[in-house]
Every structure is written in structure tokens, then in C-alpha cells.
Amino acid sequence: MIVEQSAGVQELVEQALRETGHRILVTQNALEVLDVARRVRIDLVVIDLDSEPGLVDEIRSSQPDLRLLYVSDRTDEQPADSEHNPPLLTPFSLDELRMAIAELLERSESEASGGAGTGP
């Protein structure tokens, strides 16, 4: 799911995800995001760091294991869980976006399988 205010960033993210075969939901509406999160399993949300306050907490109440990729044009602001998910700073390339998405999804799969390949 893509939750982004900038049409240019939204199009870039959508293009990168579609090229890798992912199904994409795109919105700028917080109520729509919450409605979808309650009805559909979402693997990853690409979300503007400046999105509506509390939106991430609301989404996570329905889907606690959801992966988030924050995008931002500001270097002075970090998400609450920045130690796990630092924001992807705009402008970014399609390759940078693809790598960030792949890393988050791989980490999710690794954790779901019990952290295979990690130390004691």
C-alpha cells in the first residue's frame, strides 16, 4: 500500500512495485488506509513520514506485524521506530527504492520463519 501526498513520489513507488509483480493499493486518504488495513492483509506500507499523526499506530492496531517504509524529504525528522526503519530520503532512485523494499520484505520473511540464519 502506498500512502503518499506527492504525486511524483507516489508514481515512482507504484512503478517500482508493479515492475516486481506486487499488487498495489494507492491512496492519500487516511480513512481509506484504515478501512483497507482492517479488511486486507498488507505486507508493506510505503508512507510519507509527514502523514497524518497517529495513522501508523491505527494501522498497526489491525496489523501489528506490518512493515513500513517511510519516505521523507527532510533529514531532521525520524519515525518513532527509526532504529529499524530509517526513512528513504527523496529524491531516491528506483534501485534505492527496490533495495529498501526488498530488505524490509526479506527481514519480514526471516522473522516469520523464526529468524533462520541469525545467531543465538
Protein backbone atom coordinates (compact mmCIF):
# COMPACT_ATOMS: atom_id res chain seq x y z
CA MET A 1 0.00 0.00 0.00
CA ILE A 2 1.28 3.46 -0.85
CA VAL A 3 0.24 6.42 1.31
CA GLU A 4 1.92 9.45 -0.18
CA GLN A 5 0.96 13.09 -0.70
CA SER A 6 3.40 13.81 -3.56
CA ALA A 7 2.08 12.56 -6.90
CA GLY A 8 5.62 12.22 -8.27
CA VAL A 9 6.84 10.06 -5.39
CA GLN A 10 3.61 8.08 -5.47
CA GLU A 11 4.06 7.29 -9.18
CA LEU A 12 7.70 6.28 -8.70
CA VAL A 13 6.87 3.91 -5.84
CA GLU A 14 3.92 2.45 -7.73
CA GLN A 15 6.07 1.86 -10.83
CA ALA A 16 8.82 0.13 -8.85
CA LEU A 17 6.37 -2.17 -7.07
CA ARG A 18 4.37 -3.05 -10.17
CA GLU A 19 7.56 -3.97 -12.04
CA THR A 20 8.36 -6.54 -9.36
CA GLY A 21 4.91 -8.10 -9.61
CA HIS A 22 3.42 -6.75 -6.38
CA ARG A 23 -0.25 -5.84 -6.09
CA ILE A 24 -0.54 -2.17 -5.22
CA LEU A 25 -3.10 -0.11 -3.35
CA VAL A 26 -2.60 3.66 -3.62
CA THR A 27 -4.30 6.31 -1.53
CA GLN A 28 -3.89 9.71 0.06
CA ASN A 29 -6.91 9.22 2.30
CA ALA A 30 -6.28 8.13 5.92
CA LEU A 31 -9.78 6.70 6.34
CA GLU A 32 -9.34 4.53 3.26
CA VAL A 33 -6.00 3.26 4.57
CA LEU A 34 -7.59 2.22 7.86
CA ASP A 35 -10.55 0.59 6.13
CA VAL A 36 -8.30 -1.46 3.87
CA ALA A 37 -5.97 -2.40 6.76
CA ARG A 38 -8.94 -3.85 8.64
CA ARG A 39 -10.07 -5.97 5.68
CA VAL A 40 -6.95 -6.96 3.75
CA ARG A 41 -3.58 -8.37 4.80
CA ILE A 42 -0.92 -5.88 3.79
CA ASP A 43 2.75 -6.84 3.55
CA LEU A 44 4.22 -3.37 3.29
CA VAL A 45 3.10 0.23 3.52
CA VAL A 46 5.17 2.93 1.85
CA ILE A 47 4.19 6.04 3.74
CA ASP A 48 5.19 9.69 3.86
CA LEU A 49 6.86 10.48 7.16
CA ASP A 50 4.67 13.58 7.38
CA SER A 51 1.42 11.64 7.02
CA GLU A 52 -1.44 12.17 9.43
CA PRO A 53 -0.30 11.82 13.07
CA GLY A 54 -1.44 8.57 14.65
CA LEU A 55 -2.12 6.88 11.31
CA VAL A 56 0.69 4.33 11.68
CA ASP A 57 -0.47 3.40 15.20
CA GLU A 58 -4.02 2.92 13.92
CA ILE A 59 -2.84 0.72 11.04
CA ARG A 60 -0.67 -1.33 13.39
CA SER A 61 -3.63 -1.92 15.71
CA SER A 62 -5.11 -4.03 12.87
CA GLN A 63 -1.83 -5.41 11.56
CA PRO A 64 0.90 -5.41 14.23
CA ASP A 65 3.49 -7.18 12.02
CA LEU A 66 3.11 -4.73 9.16
CA ARG A 67 6.33 -3.48 7.55
CA LEU A 68 6.65 0.26 7.00
CA LEU A 69 8.90 2.08 4.58
CA TYR A 70 8.92 5.76 5.36
CA VAL A 71 9.80 8.31 2.70
CA SER A 72 10.75 11.87 3.54
CA ASP A 73 12.31 14.95 2.05
CA ARG A 74 13.60 16.03 5.46
CA THR A 75 16.78 14.83 7.15
CA ASP A 76 15.89 16.34 10.53
CA GLU A 77 12.97 14.03 11.30
CA GLN A 78 12.93 10.32 12.14
CA PRO A 79 9.99 7.95 12.67
CA ALA A 80 9.42 6.53 16.15
CA ASP A 81 10.80 3.16 15.05
CA SER A 82 13.74 4.67 13.16
CA GLU A 83 16.21 2.18 14.62
CA HIS A 84 14.50 -0.46 12.48
CA ASN A 85 13.20 1.58 9.56
CA PRO A 86 15.14 4.74 8.72
CA PRO A 87 13.32 6.85 6.13
CA LEU A 88 14.21 6.72 2.46
CA LEU A 89 15.11 10.29 1.63
CA THR A 90 13.76 11.92 -1.50
CA PRO A 91 14.92 12.19 -4.15
CA PHE A 92 15.73 8.49 -4.47
CA SER A 93 16.34 6.23 -7.44
CA LEU A 94 14.21 3.26 -8.45
CA ASP A 95 17.10 1.00 -7.47
CA GLU A 96 17.31 2.53 -3.97
CA LEU A 97 13.57 2.09 -3.58
CA ARG A 98 13.65 -1.51 -4.78
CA MET A 99 16.52 -2.34 -2.40
CA ALA A 100 14.75 -0.77 0.58
CA ILE A 101 11.54 -2.67 -0.18
CA ALA A 102 13.38 -5.98 -0.73
CA GLU A 103 15.27 -5.54 2.55
CA LEU A 104 12.08 -4.95 4.52
CA LEU A 105 10.25 -7.87 2.94
CA GLU A 106 13.23 -10.22 3.39
CA ARG A 107 13.54 -9.20 7.03
CA SER A 108 9.84 -9.91 7.47
CA GLU A 109 10.17 -13.37 5.91
CA SER A 110 13.23 -14.15 8.04
CA GLU A 111 11.44 -13.15 11.25
CA ALA A 112 8.35 -15.15 10.27
CA SER A 113 10.49 -18.26 9.81
CA GLY A 114 11.93 -17.89 13.30
CA GLY A 115 14.96 -15.82 12.38
CA ALA A 116 16.68 -18.53 10.40
CA GLY A 117 20.28 -17.65 9.78
CA THR A 118 20.66 -15.45 12.83
CA GLY A 119 22.88 -16.14 15.80
CA PRO A 120 21.80 -17.43 19.23
